[in-house]
Protein backbone atom coordinates (compact mmCIF):
# COMPACT_ATOMS: atom_id res chain seq x y z
CA MET A 1 0.00 0.00 0.00
CA SER A 2 1.25 3.46 -0.77
CA GLN A 3 -0.50 5.08 2.21
CA SER A 4 -0.46 4.14 5.85
CA PRO A 5 -3.11 1.71 7.10
CA ASP A 6 -4.56 4.62 9.13
CA ALA A 7 -4.91 6.78 6.00
CA ALA A 8 -6.54 3.92 4.10
CA ARG A 9 -8.93 3.28 6.99
CA ASP A 10 -9.85 6.98 7.20
CA LEU A 11 -10.49 7.12 3.47
CA LEU A 12 -12.70 4.01 3.60
CA ARG A 13 -14.60 5.32 6.62
CA ASP A 14 -15.34 8.50 4.70
CA ALA A 15 -16.46 6.62 1.58
CA PHE A 16 -18.72 4.24 3.51
CA GLY A 17 -20.03 7.15 5.58
CA ARG A 18 -21.17 8.94 2.44
CA ILE A 19 -23.18 5.85 1.44
CA ALA A 20 -24.75 5.56 4.91
CA GLU A 21 -25.72 9.25 4.86
CA GLY A 22 -27.03 9.05 1.30
CA VAL A 23 -29.57 6.31 1.94
CA PRO A 24 -31.88 8.27 4.29
CA ASP A 25 -31.42 11.36 2.11
CA VAL A 26 -32.93 9.48 -0.83
CA VAL A 27 -35.86 8.23 1.25
CA ASP A 28 -36.57 11.67 2.68
CA GLY A 29 -39.74 13.16 1.24
CA LEU A 30 -40.88 10.06 -0.66
CA SER A 31 -44.06 8.16 0.14
CA VAL A 32 -44.17 4.37 0.15
CA ASP A 33 -45.85 4.45 -3.27
CA GLU A 34 -43.11 6.71 -4.59
CA LEU A 35 -40.38 4.46 -3.16
CA LEU A 36 -41.97 1.57 -5.07
CA TRP A 37 -42.53 3.43 -8.37
CA ARG A 38 -40.85 1.86 -11.38
CA PRO A 39 -40.42 3.67 -14.72
CA ASP A 40 -41.39 0.38 -16.41
CA ALA A 41 -41.90 -3.27 -15.52
CA ALA A 42 -38.24 -4.13 -16.12
CA SER A 43 -36.85 -1.36 -13.88
CA ASN A 44 -35.80 -1.36 -10.26
CA HIS A 45 -37.41 1.07 -7.84
CA VAL A 46 -35.82 3.25 -5.19
CA ALA A 47 -36.75 0.89 -2.35
CA TRP A 48 -35.20 -2.16 -4.00
CA LEU A 49 -32.03 -0.29 -4.95
CA LEU A 50 -31.51 0.97 -1.39
CA TRP A 51 -32.17 -2.47 0.08
CA HIS A 52 -29.87 -4.18 -2.43
CA LEU A 53 -26.98 -1.75 -2.01
CA THR A 54 -27.11 -2.20 1.76
CA ARG A 55 -27.55 -5.98 1.56
CA GLN A 56 -24.53 -6.41 -0.73
CA HIS A 57 -22.50 -4.13 1.55
CA ASP A 58 -23.60 -6.08 4.63
CA ALA A 59 -22.94 -9.50 3.07
CA GLN A 60 -19.52 -8.68 1.69
CA VAL A 61 -18.15 -6.88 4.74
CA ALA A 62 -19.51 -9.59 7.07
CA ASP A 63 -17.71 -12.17 4.92
CA LEU A 64 -14.45 -10.22 5.18
CA ALA A 65 -14.87 -9.89 8.94
CA GLY A 66 -15.87 -13.52 9.45
CA ALA A 67 -19.02 -12.24 11.15
CA GLU A 68 -22.74 -12.76 10.85
CA GLN A 69 -24.52 -10.34 8.55
CA VAL A 70 -26.34 -7.51 10.32
CA TRP A 71 -29.39 -8.51 8.24
CA ARG A 72 -29.65 -11.58 10.45
CA SER A 73 -27.98 -10.57 13.71
CA GLY A 74 -29.87 -7.28 13.94
CA GLY A 75 -33.27 -8.70 13.05
CA TRP A 76 -33.52 -6.70 9.82
CA ALA A 77 -34.82 -9.67 7.84
CA GLU A 78 -37.82 -9.83 10.18
CA ARG A 79 -38.35 -6.07 10.20
CA PHE A 80 -38.35 -5.77 6.42
CA ALA A 81 -40.44 -8.97 6.09
CA LEU A 82 -39.70 -9.29 2.39
CA PRO A 83 -41.17 -12.10 0.29
CA TYR A 84 -37.67 -13.49 -0.37
CA GLU A 85 -35.46 -16.18 1.06
CA PRO A 86 -33.84 -14.88 4.26
CA ASP A 87 -30.36 -14.61 2.71
CA ALA A 88 -31.50 -12.90 -0.51
CA HIS A 89 -29.60 -9.76 -1.42
CA GLY A 90 -30.85 -9.02 -4.91
CA TYR A 91 -28.29 -10.73 -7.13
CA GLY A 92 -30.08 -12.62 -9.89
CA GLN A 93 -33.54 -11.45 -8.93
CA SER A 94 -36.14 -11.20 -11.68
CA ASP A 95 -38.43 -8.31 -12.57
CA ALA A 96 -41.18 -10.19 -10.73
CA ASP A 97 -39.01 -10.40 -7.62
CA VAL A 98 -38.46 -6.64 -7.71
CA ALA A 99 -42.19 -6.09 -8.18
CA ALA A 100 -42.89 -8.26 -5.12
CA PHE A 101 -40.79 -6.00 -2.87
CA THR A 102 -42.87 -4.23 -0.24
CA VAL A 103 -42.09 -1.78 2.53
CA SER A 104 -44.27 -0.54 5.35
CA ASP A 105 -41.79 1.74 7.11
CA PRO A 106 -39.44 3.83 4.94
CA SER A 107 -37.23 4.61 7.94
CA LEU A 108 -35.99 1.01 7.83
CA PHE A 109 -33.65 1.83 4.95
CA GLY A 110 -31.65 4.48 6.81
CA ALA A 111 -31.65 2.50 10.05
CA TYR A 112 -30.39 -0.66 8.35
CA ALA A 113 -27.74 1.34 6.43
CA ALA A 114 -26.60 2.90 9.73
CA ALA A 115 -26.35 -0.51 11.41
CA VAL A 116 -24.31 -1.89 8.50
CA HIS A 117 -22.13 1.22 8.57
CA ASP A 118 -21.46 0.74 12.29
CA GLU A 119 -20.35 -2.85 11.71
CA THR A 120 -18.21 -1.74 8.77
CA VAL A 121 -16.45 0.90 10.86
CA THR A 122 -15.83 -1.72 13.55
CA TYR A 123 -14.31 -4.05 10.96
CA LEU A 124 -12.18 -1.28 9.46
CA GLY A 125 -10.77 -0.72 12.94
CA THR A 126 -9.26 -4.21 12.81
CA LEU A 127 -7.25 -3.43 9.67
CA ASP A 128 -4.11 -2.26 11.41
CA ASP A 129 -1.33 -3.06 8.97
CA ASP A 130 -0.61 -3.53 5.28
CA ALA A 131 -0.94 -7.30 5.59
CA ALA A 132 -4.57 -6.93 6.71
CA TYR A 133 -5.42 -5.03 3.51
CA GLU A 134 -3.33 -7.33 1.31
CA ARG A 135 -4.93 -10.57 2.56
CA VAL A 136 -6.29 -12.52 -0.41
CA VAL A 137 -10.00 -13.23 -0.08
CA ASP A 138 -10.72 -14.64 -3.55
CA ASP A 139 -8.04 -16.34 -5.62
CA ALA A 140 -10.42 -17.19 -8.48
CA TRP A 141 -9.39 -13.91 -10.15
CA ASP A 142 -6.13 -12.88 -11.76
CA PRO A 143 -4.84 -11.02 -9.89
CA PRO A 144 -6.41 -12.43 -6.73
CA VAL A 145 -8.86 -10.18 -4.85
CA THR A 146 -7.52 -8.70 -1.62
CA VAL A 147 -9.38 -7.16 1.29
CA ALA A 148 -8.50 -3.69 -0.04
CA VAL A 149 -9.82 -4.47 -3.51
CA ARG A 150 -13.01 -6.01 -2.10
CA LEU A 151 -13.69 -2.97 0.07
CA VAL A 152 -13.25 -0.62 -2.89
CA SER A 153 -15.58 -2.88 -4.90
CA VAL A 154 -18.25 -2.66 -2.17
CA VAL A 155 -18.01 1.14 -2.10
CA ASP A 156 -18.15 1.28 -5.90
CA ASP A 157 -21.23 -0.94 -6.15
CA ALA A 158 -23.03 0.90 -3.35
CA ALA A 159 -22.23 4.31 -4.84
CA LYS A 160 -23.55 3.25 -8.25
CA HIS A 161 -26.82 1.99 -6.77
CA LEU A 162 -27.15 5.07 -4.58
CA GLY A 163 -26.76 7.22 -7.69
CA GLN A 164 -29.42 5.18 -9.47
CA ALA A 165 -31.77 5.64 -6.51
CA GLN A 166 -31.08 9.39 -6.47
CA TYR A 167 -31.84 9.58 -10.19
CA LEU A 168 -35.11 7.69 -9.72
CA LYS A 169 -36.05 9.99 -6.84
CA GLY A 170 -35.62 12.90 -9.23
CA LEU A 171 -37.92 11.22 -11.74
CA VAL A 172 -40.49 10.59 -9.01
CA GLU A 173 -40.38 14.21 -7.91
CA ARG A 174 -40.78 15.43 -11.51
CA ARG A 175 -43.96 13.32 -11.80
CA ARG A 176 -45.64 15.18 -8.92
């Protein structure tokens, strides 16, 4: 690594913090119907995008940490009560699966994102030297995926989905 482990940790905390702050900002001002609005039958809606970005973040960081996903340990699966298998996180879901998504309490998105963020910050605190960031977590790729690369991938995926949700929110607001 070209920077100190502390600098890398601070940078990652900032990046993940922006995601955690962005989730409730997207939800703010939208009704349940607006959160579930889809431009067409093959599109995702804001609610699904926010759930998926947080689920993938939760699943991947928990795997890195060797910990249980917050989705399970924090009771979020029960609170969201989605019509999916308990470990679903959105990968490979069909248009019908997205359409089946329901939400009764929009505040769940920000609260779940905050809980995942807290666990992520805790995990980042364990990365105290270059070796921790350079640990290979997936050797099926060339070059193999390290902890550092995986964390950047999680931020990248979450930021893309957050941007999609922000764009959809803008479309929803223009429809009013």
